Amino acid sequence: MHVSAFNFSRNSIKTSTFKDGYMLRENLRDFLDNSSIGIHTVSADGIIEYANQFELEILGYTKDEYIGHHVSEFQLDSVCLSDMMNRLGKFELLSNYPARVKGKYGPLYILYNSSVYQVAEEFIHTRCFGCAIEEHVYNAFKVNFPY
């Protein structure tokens, strides 16, 4: 039995009432907004463009305190942030990348997985997924990164 999180079977699409892709967009938006992992996007200029509710809750910020701000306001290690943005700027995939971030109520350790959404080789924004981790896990992953 095949189970699809988005119910994309050919029959369901034909029989569903998709008007201009509305249901598909709403399903994807719900998936992102209500995911149990932190998700955010950052522009090529470093501005946080989107964050889901889980990310906001982990960090302790409201949308107004986080979205629209520069990512450097929340990274505790400027060398780490520079390395991340340089790698993403070269369209490299970040996998299990440890970072220390500024939560509203104190520092946090996050393990990031990120890639760049690009159009015609133009950096549009990151697609970043993050999980809160303990300090000892951060230290174990950090040995694999140069910063």
Protein backbone atom coordinates (compact mmCIF):
# COMPACT_ATOMS: atom_id res chain seq x y z
CA MET A 1 0.00 0.00 0.00
CA HIS A 2 1.43 3.38 -1.03
CA VAL A 3 0.70 6.33 1.26
CA SER A 4 1.34 9.86 0.08
CA ALA A 5 1.55 12.78 2.47
CA PHE A 6 0.06 15.02 -0.19
CA ASN A 7 -2.33 12.49 -1.76
CA PHE A 8 -0.89 13.13 -5.23
CA SER A 9 -2.27 10.02 -6.87
CA ARG A 10 -3.43 10.59 -10.43
CA ASN A 11 -7.02 9.70 -9.50
CA SER A 12 -7.16 12.09 -6.54
CA ILE A 13 -5.91 14.98 -8.65
CA LYS A 14 -8.48 14.28 -11.36
CA THR A 15 -11.36 13.99 -8.90
CA SER A 16 -10.34 16.75 -6.50
CA THR A 17 -11.56 20.27 -6.96
CA PHE A 18 -8.26 21.96 -7.77
CA LYS A 19 -9.03 25.45 -8.95
CA ASP A 20 -5.84 27.00 -10.35
CA GLY A 21 -3.81 24.79 -8.04
CA TYR A 22 -5.40 26.31 -4.93
CA MET A 23 -5.76 23.02 -3.03
CA LEU A 24 -2.22 21.98 -3.86
CA ARG A 25 -0.80 25.33 -2.69
CA GLU A 26 -2.90 25.21 0.48
CA ASN A 27 -1.78 21.65 1.24
CA LEU A 28 1.88 22.56 0.74
CA ARG A 29 1.52 25.75 2.81
CA ASP A 30 -0.11 23.75 5.63
CA PHE A 31 2.68 21.15 5.42
CA LEU A 32 5.36 23.83 5.82
CA ASP A 33 3.58 25.97 8.39
CA ASN A 34 2.69 23.04 10.65
CA SER A 35 5.76 20.86 10.25
CA SER A 36 7.44 19.49 13.38
CA ILE A 37 10.83 20.75 12.22
CA GLY A 38 12.04 24.33 12.01
CA ILE A 39 11.88 25.69 8.46
CA HIS A 40 12.98 29.08 7.19
CA THR A 41 14.13 30.81 4.02
CA VAL A 42 16.82 33.48 3.73
CA SER A 43 17.33 35.79 0.75
CA ALA A 44 20.67 36.18 -1.01
CA ASP A 45 21.04 39.40 1.02
CA GLY A 46 20.65 37.51 4.30
CA ILE A 47 17.09 38.60 5.12
CA ILE A 48 14.83 36.00 6.74
CA GLU A 49 11.82 35.83 4.43
CA TYR A 50 9.82 32.99 5.98
CA ALA A 51 9.81 30.91 9.16
CA ASN A 52 7.29 28.32 10.21
CA GLN A 53 5.62 28.25 13.61
CA PHE A 54 7.85 25.44 14.93
CA GLU A 55 11.00 27.47 14.22
CA LEU A 56 9.52 30.56 15.86
CA GLU A 57 8.57 28.53 18.95
CA ILE A 58 12.01 26.92 19.28
CA LEU A 59 13.74 30.30 19.03
CA GLY A 60 11.13 32.09 21.14
CA TYR A 61 10.46 34.90 18.67
CA THR A 62 7.29 36.28 17.13
CA LYS A 63 7.04 36.66 13.35
CA ASP A 64 7.69 40.41 13.68
CA GLU A 65 10.80 39.83 15.78
CA TYR A 66 12.29 37.33 13.30
CA ILE A 67 10.95 37.58 9.75
CA GLY A 68 12.34 40.56 7.85
CA HIS A 69 15.47 40.69 10.00
CA HIS A 70 19.00 39.91 8.88
CA VAL A 71 20.15 36.40 9.77
CA SER A 72 23.29 37.84 11.41
CA GLU A 73 21.09 39.13 14.24
CA PHE A 74 20.50 35.53 15.28
CA GLN A 75 23.81 33.77 14.60
CA LEU A 76 26.22 33.82 17.54
CA ASP A 77 29.27 32.89 15.46
CA SER A 78 30.03 35.25 12.57
CA VAL A 79 32.64 32.85 11.13
CA CYS A 80 30.03 30.08 11.04
CA LEU A 81 27.49 32.36 9.34
CA SER A 82 30.06 33.52 6.80
CA ASP A 83 30.99 29.90 6.00
CA MET A 84 27.33 28.92 5.66
CA MET A 85 26.49 31.84 3.34
CA ASN A 86 29.67 31.32 1.27
CA ARG A 87 28.84 27.65 0.75
CA LEU A 88 25.22 28.40 -0.09
CA GLY A 89 26.37 31.20 -2.40
CA LYS A 90 28.22 28.51 -4.37
CA PHE A 91 25.00 26.43 -4.37
CA GLU A 92 26.54 23.83 -2.06
CA LEU A 93 24.27 21.66 0.03
CA LEU A 94 24.60 22.05 3.80
CA SER A 95 24.06 18.75 5.53
CA ASN A 96 24.01 18.39 9.33
CA TYR A 97 25.68 21.77 9.74
CA PRO A 98 25.98 22.76 13.42
CA ALA A 99 25.43 26.36 14.50
CA ARG A 100 24.97 28.36 17.68
CA VAL A 101 22.05 30.76 17.46
CA LYS A 102 20.58 33.51 19.59
CA GLY A 103 17.25 32.40 20.97
CA LYS A 104 15.09 35.00 22.66
CA TYR A 105 15.77 33.40 26.04
CA GLY A 106 19.38 32.35 25.49
CA PRO A 107 21.75 30.55 23.14
CA LEU A 108 20.64 27.44 21.28
CA TYR A 109 22.38 24.78 19.23
CA ILE A 110 20.83 23.98 15.87
CA LEU A 111 21.70 21.36 13.25
CA TYR A 112 20.90 22.77 9.79
CA ASN A 113 20.23 21.17 6.45
CA SER A 114 19.98 23.76 3.72
CA SER A 115 20.07 24.27 -0.01
CA VAL A 116 19.43 27.14 -2.38
CA TYR A 117 16.37 27.66 -4.51
CA GLN A 118 17.72 29.06 -7.74
CA VAL A 119 16.28 30.16 -11.05
CA ALA A 120 18.62 30.30 -14.05
CA GLU A 121 21.58 30.06 -11.64
CA GLU A 122 20.34 33.06 -9.65
CA PHE A 123 20.21 32.65 -5.86
CA ILE A 124 16.58 33.28 -4.90
CA HIS A 125 16.53 32.05 -1.28
CA THR A 126 17.69 29.25 0.98
CA ARG A 127 15.55 26.29 1.95
CA CYS A 128 16.65 25.66 5.49
CA PHE A 129 15.55 22.98 7.94
CA GLY A 130 16.80 23.05 11.51
CA CYS A 131 16.62 20.84 14.59
CA ALA A 132 17.49 21.94 18.10
CA ILE A 133 20.28 19.81 19.56
CA GLU A 134 22.20 19.57 22.83
CA GLU A 135 25.66 21.12 23.22
CA HIS A 136 27.46 17.76 23.21
CA VAL A 137 25.79 16.87 19.89
CA TYR A 138 26.81 20.27 18.50
CA ASN A 139 30.41 19.62 19.55
CA ALA A 140 30.41 16.17 17.93
CA PHE A 141 29.19 17.56 14.59
CA LYS A 142 31.39 20.68 14.74
CA VAL A 143 34.61 18.67 14.32
CA ASN A 144 33.62 18.13 10.66
CA PHE A 145 33.50 21.86 9.85
CA PRO A 146 36.37 24.34 9.43
CA TYR A 147 35.01 27.32 11.35
